[in-house]
Amino acid sequence: MPVRSTRPSKSIEFEATSVIERRGRWYIGYVLEVPGINVQERTLREVRNGIREQLQELAELAPDQLSQGSRHVERLTVRLKA
């Protein structure tokens, strides 16, 4: 007989920035705010689903890692000598 959790599931809303790049025949996706969320798939749909699945798994195993506290992301423009 399957064991069911009697704990009510807690729902959280998490907003993040995913970056998806095309590399040859593959798409590489990652989440800026959460180091370690990385996916490589053949289609955009598979990458998006993979990112969602990894975020869901992280929310279940280590929800404190989804806090958006200490990471800072910014765009820099630099002048380089050739």
C-alpha atoms as a PDB file:
ATOM      1  CA  MET A   1       0.000   0.000   0.000  1.00  0.00           C
ATOM      2  CA  PRO A   2       1.463   3.413  -0.958  1.00  0.00           C
ATOM      3  CA  VAL A   3       2.395   5.749   1.862  1.00  0.00           C
ATOM      4  CA  ARG A   4       0.865   9.196   1.659  1.00  0.00           C
ATOM      5  CA  SER A   5       2.150  12.237   3.421  1.00  0.00           C
ATOM      6  CA  THR A   6      -0.298  13.742   5.882  1.00  0.00           C
ATOM      7  CA  ARG A   7       1.575  17.033   5.751  1.00  0.00           C
ATOM      8  CA  PRO A   8      -0.220  19.693   3.735  1.00  0.00           C
ATOM      9  CA  SER A   9       1.878  20.831   0.803  1.00  0.00           C
ATOM     10  CA  LYS A  10       3.059  24.418   0.953  1.00  0.00           C
ATOM     11  CA  SER A  11       2.973  26.447  -2.237  1.00  0.00           C
ATOM     12  CA  ILE A  12       5.490  29.202  -2.888  1.00  0.00           C
ATOM     13  CA  GLU A  13       5.834  31.568  -5.800  1.00  0.00           C
ATOM     14  CA  PHE A  14       9.355  31.985  -7.126  1.00  0.00           C
ATOM     15  CA  GLU A  15      10.339  34.315  -9.942  1.00  0.00           C
ATOM     16  CA  ALA A  16      13.687  33.811 -11.640  1.00  0.00           C
ATOM     17  CA  THR A  17      15.583  34.694 -14.790  1.00  0.00           C
ATOM     18  CA  SER A  18      16.369  31.779 -17.061  1.00  0.00           C
ATOM     19  CA  VAL A  19      18.951  32.112 -19.800  1.00  0.00           C
ATOM     20  CA  ILE A  20      18.715  29.777 -22.789  1.00  0.00           C
ATOM     21  CA  GLU A  21      21.467  29.630 -25.393  1.00  0.00           C
ATOM     22  CA  ARG A  22      21.652  27.615 -28.579  1.00  0.00           C
ATOM     23  CA  ARG A  23      24.889  25.673 -29.044  1.00  0.00           C
ATOM     24  CA  GLY A  24      24.842  23.758 -32.306  1.00  0.00           C
ATOM     25  CA  ARG A  25      21.947  21.311 -32.108  1.00  0.00           C
ATOM     26  CA  TRP A  26      21.562  21.730 -28.331  1.00  0.00           C
ATOM     27  CA  TYR A  27      19.919  24.294 -26.066  1.00  0.00           C
ATOM     28  CA  ILE A  28      21.631  25.102 -22.781  1.00  0.00           C
ATOM     29  CA  GLY A  29      19.530  26.656 -20.021  1.00  0.00           C
ATOM     30  CA  TYR A  30      20.359  27.949 -16.580  1.00  0.00           C
ATOM     31  CA  VAL A  31      18.870  30.163 -13.898  1.00  0.00           C
ATOM     32  CA  LEU A  32      20.796  33.294 -12.924  1.00  0.00           C
ATOM     33  CA  GLU A  33      19.474  33.445  -9.372  1.00  0.00           C
ATOM     34  CA  VAL A  34      20.083  29.781  -8.522  1.00  0.00           C
ATOM     35  CA  PRO A  35      23.560  28.381  -9.156  1.00  0.00           C
ATOM     36  CA  GLY A  36      23.440  24.718 -10.112  1.00  0.00           C
ATOM     37  CA  ILE A  37      20.211  24.783 -12.120  1.00  0.00           C
ATOM     38  CA  ASN A  38      21.543  23.790 -15.563  1.00  0.00           C
ATOM     39  CA  VAL A  39      19.817  21.926 -18.390  1.00  0.00           C
ATOM     40  CA  GLN A  40      20.920  20.718 -21.807  1.00  0.00           C
ATOM     41  CA  GLU A  41      18.226  19.536 -24.228  1.00  0.00           C
ATOM     42  CA  ARG A  42      17.379  19.414 -27.934  1.00  0.00           C
ATOM     43  CA  THR A  43      14.333  21.722 -27.835  1.00  0.00           C
ATOM     44  CA  LEU A  44      13.312  24.926 -26.066  1.00  0.00           C
ATOM     45  CA  ARG A  45      10.282  23.160 -24.595  1.00  0.00           C
ATOM     46  CA  GLU A  46      12.479  20.451 -23.074  1.00  0.00           C
ATOM     47  CA  VAL A  47      14.840  23.054 -21.597  1.00  0.00           C
ATOM     48  CA  ARG A  48      11.968  25.018 -20.048  1.00  0.00           C
ATOM     49  CA  ASN A  49      10.443  21.856 -18.612  1.00  0.00           C
ATOM     50  CA  GLY A  50      13.828  20.713 -17.294  1.00  0.00           C
ATOM     51  CA  ILE A  51      14.393  24.028 -15.531  1.00  0.00           C
ATOM     52  CA  ARG A  52      10.912  23.867 -13.967  1.00  0.00           C
ATOM     53  CA  GLU A  53      11.536  20.284 -12.822  1.00  0.00           C
ATOM     54  CA  GLN A  54      14.879  21.170 -11.250  1.00  0.00           C
ATOM     55  CA  LEU A  55      13.393  24.193  -9.471  1.00  0.00           C
ATOM     56  CA  GLN A  56      10.532  22.019  -8.180  1.00  0.00           C
ATOM     57  CA  GLU A  57      12.962  19.405  -6.906  1.00  0.00           C
ATOM     58  CA  LEU A  58      15.049  22.088  -5.195  1.00  0.00           C
ATOM     59  CA  ALA A  59      11.914  23.561  -3.600  1.00  0.00           C
ATOM     60  CA  GLU A  60      11.101  20.130  -2.147  1.00  0.00           C
ATOM     61  CA  LEU A  61      14.623  19.249  -0.970  1.00  0.00           C
ATOM     62  CA  ALA A  62      16.172  22.599  -0.002  1.00  0.00           C
ATOM     63  CA  PRO A  63      13.661  25.466  -0.202  1.00  0.00           C
ATOM     64  CA  ASP A  64      16.040  27.842   1.596  1.00  0.00           C
ATOM     65  CA  GLN A  65      18.252  27.822  -1.529  1.00  0.00           C
ATOM     66  CA  LEU A  66      15.479  29.596  -3.427  1.00  0.00           C
ATOM     67  CA  SER A  67      15.813  32.730  -1.337  1.00  0.00           C
ATOM     68  CA  GLN A  68      16.911  35.646  -3.473  1.00  0.00           C
ATOM     69  CA  GLY A  69      19.196  37.235  -0.935  1.00  0.00           C
ATOM     70  CA  SER A  70      22.861  37.508  -1.780  1.00  0.00           C
ATOM     71  CA  ARG A  71      23.289  37.311  -5.544  1.00  0.00           C
ATOM     72  CA  HIS A  72      23.707  40.466  -7.604  1.00  0.00           C
ATOM     73  CA  VAL A  73      23.467  40.433 -11.401  1.00  0.00           C
ATOM     74  CA  GLU A  74      24.293  43.404 -13.594  1.00  0.00           C
ATOM     75  CA  ARG A  75      25.326  44.141 -17.175  1.00  0.00           C
ATOM     76  CA  LEU A  76      28.770  45.661 -17.645  1.00  0.00           C
ATOM     77  CA  THR A  77      30.224  47.435 -20.650  1.00  0.00           C
ATOM     78  CA  VAL A  78      33.999  47.470 -20.849  1.00  0.00           C
ATOM     79  CA  ARG A  79      36.440  48.878 -23.387  1.00  0.00           C
ATOM     80  CA  LEU A  80      39.154  46.381 -24.328  1.00  0.00           C
ATOM     81  CA  LYS A  81      42.394  46.991 -26.172  1.00  0.00           C
ATOM     82  CA  ALA A  82      42.877  44.776 -29.207  1.00  0.00           C
END
